[in-house]
Amino acid sequence: MTVEVQPTRFVIPGNGVATQFSFSPMVITEAADLEVIRREADGTETVLSRGTGPTNYAVVVSGGYPGTGYIVYPASGGSALGSSRSIAIRRVIPLT
């Protein structure tokens, strides 16, 4: 039996321009499968919430669930993530 192994965490540096951060090839079955963390230059981390607004993120899945895609941060309004910050995207799936 083959067990598929997928990455469970991506850390993507900001560049002051990008607002879309891919979590491909990670596959999720629903938006709640992701945890998104903003990391400051000093190492401080903040777990972000899904939703609308300048401090939240949105999940876009290509072709429907299950699938892969990207997050949009900030979801609306606000500024792009600066080069001294990064976004960590982590897959969090409950054990069944």
Protein backbone atom coordinates (compact mmCIF):
# COMPACT_ATOMS: atom_id res chain seq x y z
CA MET A 1 0.00 0.00 0.00
CA THR A 2 1.35 3.43 -0.95
CA VAL A 3 0.98 6.26 1.53
CA GLU A 4 0.93 9.70 -0.07
CA VAL A 5 2.99 12.32 1.76
CA GLN A 6 2.17 15.98 1.27
CA PRO A 7 3.86 19.01 2.75
CA THR A 8 2.04 20.27 5.83
CA ARG A 9 3.53 23.77 6.15
CA PHE A 10 4.78 26.52 3.84
CA VAL A 11 6.54 29.71 4.91
CA ILE A 12 6.38 32.41 2.27
CA PRO A 13 8.20 35.75 2.65
CA GLY A 14 6.37 38.97 1.86
CA ASN A 15 7.66 41.30 -0.84
CA GLY A 16 5.47 44.39 -0.42
CA VAL A 17 3.46 43.53 -3.56
CA ALA A 18 2.04 39.98 -3.44
CA THR A 19 -1.32 39.35 -1.78
CA GLN A 20 -1.79 35.75 -3.01
CA PHE A 21 0.16 32.94 -1.35
CA SER A 22 -0.03 29.44 -2.84
CA PHE A 23 -0.38 26.31 -0.73
CA SER A 24 0.02 24.03 -3.77
CA PRO A 25 0.63 21.04 -3.89
CA MET A 26 -1.08 20.73 -0.48
CA VAL A 27 -4.66 19.44 -0.93
CA ILE A 28 -7.45 20.44 1.44
CA THR A 29 -11.05 19.25 1.75
CA GLU A 30 -12.38 22.52 3.25
CA ALA A 31 -11.08 26.00 4.06
CA ALA A 32 -10.98 25.15 7.77
CA ASP A 33 -8.15 22.68 7.01
CA LEU A 34 -5.72 25.62 6.91
CA GLU A 35 -4.12 27.69 9.63
CA VAL A 36 -2.52 30.94 8.48
CA ILE A 37 0.10 32.67 10.62
CA ARG A 38 1.67 36.10 10.06
CA ARG A 39 5.29 36.26 11.26
CA GLU A 40 6.86 39.62 12.09
CA ALA A 41 10.55 40.51 11.65
CA ASP A 42 11.16 40.00 15.40
CA GLY A 43 9.72 36.45 15.24
CA THR A 44 6.35 37.29 16.79
CA GLU A 45 3.59 35.15 15.26
CA THR A 46 -0.12 35.92 14.99
CA VAL A 47 -2.70 33.32 13.95
CA LEU A 48 -4.99 35.00 11.43
CA SER A 49 -8.74 34.50 11.00
CA ARG A 50 -10.56 33.67 7.80
CA GLY A 51 -13.02 36.33 6.68
CA THR A 52 -13.09 39.75 5.10
CA GLY A 53 -11.12 42.82 6.04
CA PRO A 54 -7.51 44.01 6.28
CA THR A 55 -6.48 41.61 9.09
CA ASN A 56 -8.15 38.46 7.73
CA TYR A 57 -7.44 36.05 4.90
CA ALA A 58 -9.54 34.32 2.25
CA VAL A 59 -9.06 30.82 0.80
CA VAL A 60 -9.37 30.18 -2.95
CA VAL A 61 -9.46 26.54 -4.08
CA SER A 62 -9.04 25.75 -7.77
CA GLY A 63 -11.66 23.39 -9.16
CA GLY A 64 -13.54 22.87 -5.90
CA TYR A 65 -12.90 20.67 -2.88
CA PRO A 66 -10.83 18.61 -2.40
CA GLY A 67 -8.23 20.72 -4.09
CA THR A 68 -5.29 23.05 -3.90
CA GLY A 69 -5.06 26.79 -4.33
CA TYR A 70 -3.96 29.90 -2.49
CA ILE A 71 -4.84 32.29 0.30
CA VAL A 72 -5.41 36.01 -0.19
CA TYR A 73 -3.95 38.23 2.54
CA PRO A 74 -5.22 40.72 3.35
CA ALA A 75 -8.66 39.49 2.30
CA SER A 76 -9.77 43.03 1.47
CA GLY A 77 -8.31 46.46 2.08
CA GLY A 78 -5.01 46.85 3.89
CA SER A 79 -1.50 46.64 2.47
CA ALA A 80 0.52 43.81 0.99
CA LEU A 81 2.85 41.96 3.34
CA GLY A 82 6.19 43.78 3.63
CA SER A 83 9.57 42.12 3.01
CA SER A 84 10.35 41.90 6.73
CA ARG A 85 7.27 39.72 7.35
CA SER A 86 6.20 36.28 6.20
CA ILE A 87 3.11 34.09 6.01
CA ALA A 88 3.07 30.50 7.23
CA ILE A 89 0.32 28.28 5.84
CA ARG A 90 -0.21 25.05 7.73
CA ARG A 91 -2.57 22.17 7.02
CA VAL A 92 -4.52 21.21 10.13
CA ILE A 93 -6.74 18.16 9.67
CA PRO A 94 -8.50 16.50 12.59
CA LEU A 95 -7.68 12.85 13.20
CA THR A 96 -10.55 10.50 12.40
